[in-house]
Amino acid sequence: MTDASRAPSETIDIEFSQHDQLKKLTYSAEEVAELFGISRSAVFDLFRTGQIKRSKILTRTVVTADEVRRFYSSLAAEAQ
């Protein structure tokens, strides 16, 4: 069933973490910078070079949690 055909009374299943909070699906450039211990401008350099793929939600630039994990894995692979 698509979102458009979903009855108003139906709910969407959402995963919750151990602490009963919604898992983070996207991160801002500032949050990505904090996660990796780099500057915000370095994150935008990674966007520009295609090393991290960004998405847009309306006017906001975000990075999906899957992309953060993919980039982290690529760093770990390079370190070996």
C-alpha atoms as a PDB file:
ATOM      1  CA  MET A   1       0.000   0.000   0.000  1.00  0.00           C
ATOM      2  CA  THR A   2       1.427   3.396  -0.928  1.00  0.00           C
ATOM      3  CA  ASP A   3       1.417   6.389   1.377  1.00  0.00           C
ATOM      4  CA  ALA A   4      -1.145   8.097  -0.857  1.00  0.00           C
ATOM      5  CA  SER A   5      -3.606   5.198  -0.544  1.00  0.00           C
ATOM      6  CA  ARG A   6      -3.060   4.701   3.190  1.00  0.00           C
ATOM      7  CA  ALA A   7      -6.157   5.290   5.293  1.00  0.00           C
ATOM      8  CA  PRO A   8      -5.733   8.167   7.785  1.00  0.00           C
ATOM      9  CA  SER A   9      -6.251   5.809  10.718  1.00  0.00           C
ATOM     10  CA  GLU A  10      -3.449   3.447   9.633  1.00  0.00           C
ATOM     11  CA  THR A  11      -0.021   3.878  11.177  1.00  0.00           C
ATOM     12  CA  ILE A  12       3.403   3.385   9.656  1.00  0.00           C
ATOM     13  CA  ASP A  13       5.763   1.001  11.455  1.00  0.00           C
ATOM     14  CA  ILE A  14       8.909   2.832  12.568  1.00  0.00           C
ATOM     15  CA  GLU A  15      11.920   1.204  14.201  1.00  0.00           C
ATOM     16  CA  PHE A  16      12.793   2.422  17.684  1.00  0.00           C
ATOM     17  CA  SER A  17      16.097   2.106  19.478  1.00  0.00           C
ATOM     18  CA  GLN A  18      16.645   0.622  22.919  1.00  0.00           C
ATOM     19  CA  HIS A  19      15.873   3.990  24.463  1.00  0.00           C
ATOM     20  CA  ASP A  20      12.548   4.176  22.621  1.00  0.00           C
ATOM     21  CA  GLN A  21      13.706   7.093  20.467  1.00  0.00           C
ATOM     22  CA  LEU A  22      13.348   7.253  16.712  1.00  0.00           C
ATOM     23  CA  LYS A  23      16.592   6.195  15.040  1.00  0.00           C
ATOM     24  CA  LYS A  24      18.260   9.000  13.153  1.00  0.00           C
ATOM     25  CA  LEU A  25      17.698   8.605   9.402  1.00  0.00           C
ATOM     26  CA  THR A  26      19.633  11.642   8.192  1.00  0.00           C
ATOM     27  CA  TYR A  27      22.454  13.868   9.405  1.00  0.00           C
ATOM     28  CA  SER A  28      23.246  17.507   8.677  1.00  0.00           C
ATOM     29  CA  ALA A  29      26.674  18.515   7.378  1.00  0.00           C
ATOM     30  CA  GLU A  30      27.468  19.806  10.869  1.00  0.00           C
ATOM     31  CA  GLU A  31      26.553  16.458  12.425  1.00  0.00           C
ATOM     32  CA  VAL A  32      28.650  14.556   9.864  1.00  0.00           C
ATOM     33  CA  ALA A  33      31.576  16.862  10.660  1.00  0.00           C
ATOM     34  CA  GLU A  34      31.163  16.148  14.361  1.00  0.00           C
ATOM     35  CA  LEU A  35      30.889  12.376  13.808  1.00  0.00           C
ATOM     36  CA  PHE A  36      34.137  12.246  11.838  1.00  0.00           C
ATOM     37  CA  GLY A  37      35.991  14.942  13.760  1.00  0.00           C
ATOM     38  CA  ILE A  38      36.419  17.199  10.742  1.00  0.00           C
ATOM     39  CA  SER A  39      35.314  20.712   9.832  1.00  0.00           C
ATOM     40  CA  ARG A  40      32.038  21.563   8.131  1.00  0.00           C
ATOM     41  CA  SER A  41      33.978  22.871   5.126  1.00  0.00           C
ATOM     42  CA  ALA A  42      35.811  19.524   4.892  1.00  0.00           C
ATOM     43  CA  VAL A  43      32.412  17.794   4.714  1.00  0.00           C
ATOM     44  CA  PHE A  44      31.423  20.076   1.825  1.00  0.00           C
ATOM     45  CA  ASP A  45      34.740  19.207   0.116  1.00  0.00           C
ATOM     46  CA  LEU A  46      33.784  15.522   0.475  1.00  0.00           C
ATOM     47  CA  PHE A  47      30.390  16.335  -1.088  1.00  0.00           C
ATOM     48  CA  ARG A  48      32.083  18.201  -3.949  1.00  0.00           C
ATOM     49  CA  THR A  49      34.501  15.341  -4.702  1.00  0.00           C
ATOM     50  CA  GLY A  50      31.720  12.729  -4.476  1.00  0.00           C
ATOM     51  CA  GLN A  51      33.251  10.874  -1.539  1.00  0.00           C
ATOM     52  CA  ILE A  52      30.049  11.454   0.445  1.00  0.00           C
ATOM     53  CA  LYS A  53      26.709  11.584  -1.342  1.00  0.00           C
ATOM     54  CA  ARG A  54      24.308  14.225  -0.127  1.00  0.00           C
ATOM     55  CA  SER A  55      20.553  14.485  -0.481  1.00  0.00           C
ATOM     56  CA  LYS A  56      18.188  17.412  -0.288  1.00  0.00           C
ATOM     57  CA  ILE A  57      15.028  17.589   1.803  1.00  0.00           C
ATOM     58  CA  LEU A  58      13.346  20.778   0.691  1.00  0.00           C
ATOM     59  CA  THR A  59      16.162  23.286   1.215  1.00  0.00           C
ATOM     60  CA  ARG A  60      18.224  21.229   3.677  1.00  0.00           C
ATOM     61  CA  THR A  61      21.308  19.267   2.668  1.00  0.00           C
ATOM     62  CA  VAL A  62      21.409  15.947   4.505  1.00  0.00           C
ATOM     63  CA  VAL A  63      23.385  12.713   4.490  1.00  0.00           C
ATOM     64  CA  THR A  64      21.517   9.463   5.012  1.00  0.00           C
ATOM     65  CA  ALA A  65      22.536   7.150   7.842  1.00  0.00           C
ATOM     66  CA  ASP A  66      23.338   4.478   5.224  1.00  0.00           C
ATOM     67  CA  GLU A  67      25.707   6.877   3.450  1.00  0.00           C
ATOM     68  CA  VAL A  68      27.437   7.732   6.752  1.00  0.00           C
ATOM     69  CA  ARG A  69      27.958   3.992   7.367  1.00  0.00           C
ATOM     70  CA  ARG A  70      29.183   3.447   3.781  1.00  0.00           C
ATOM     71  CA  PHE A  71      31.715   6.277   4.054  1.00  0.00           C
ATOM     72  CA  TYR A  72      32.911   5.020   7.443  1.00  0.00           C
ATOM     73  CA  SER A  73      33.369   1.514   6.011  1.00  0.00           C
ATOM     74  CA  SER A  74      35.367   2.913   3.104  1.00  0.00           C
ATOM     75  CA  LEU A  75      37.684   4.682   5.574  1.00  0.00           C
ATOM     76  CA  ALA A  76      38.133   1.477   7.568  1.00  0.00           C
ATOM     77  CA  ALA A  77      38.908  -0.462   4.372  1.00  0.00           C
ATOM     78  CA  GLU A  78      41.530   2.114   3.329  1.00  0.00           C
ATOM     79  CA  ALA A  79      43.197   1.845   6.755  1.00  0.00           C
ATOM     80  CA  GLN A  80      43.823  -1.894   6.337  1.00  0.00           C
END
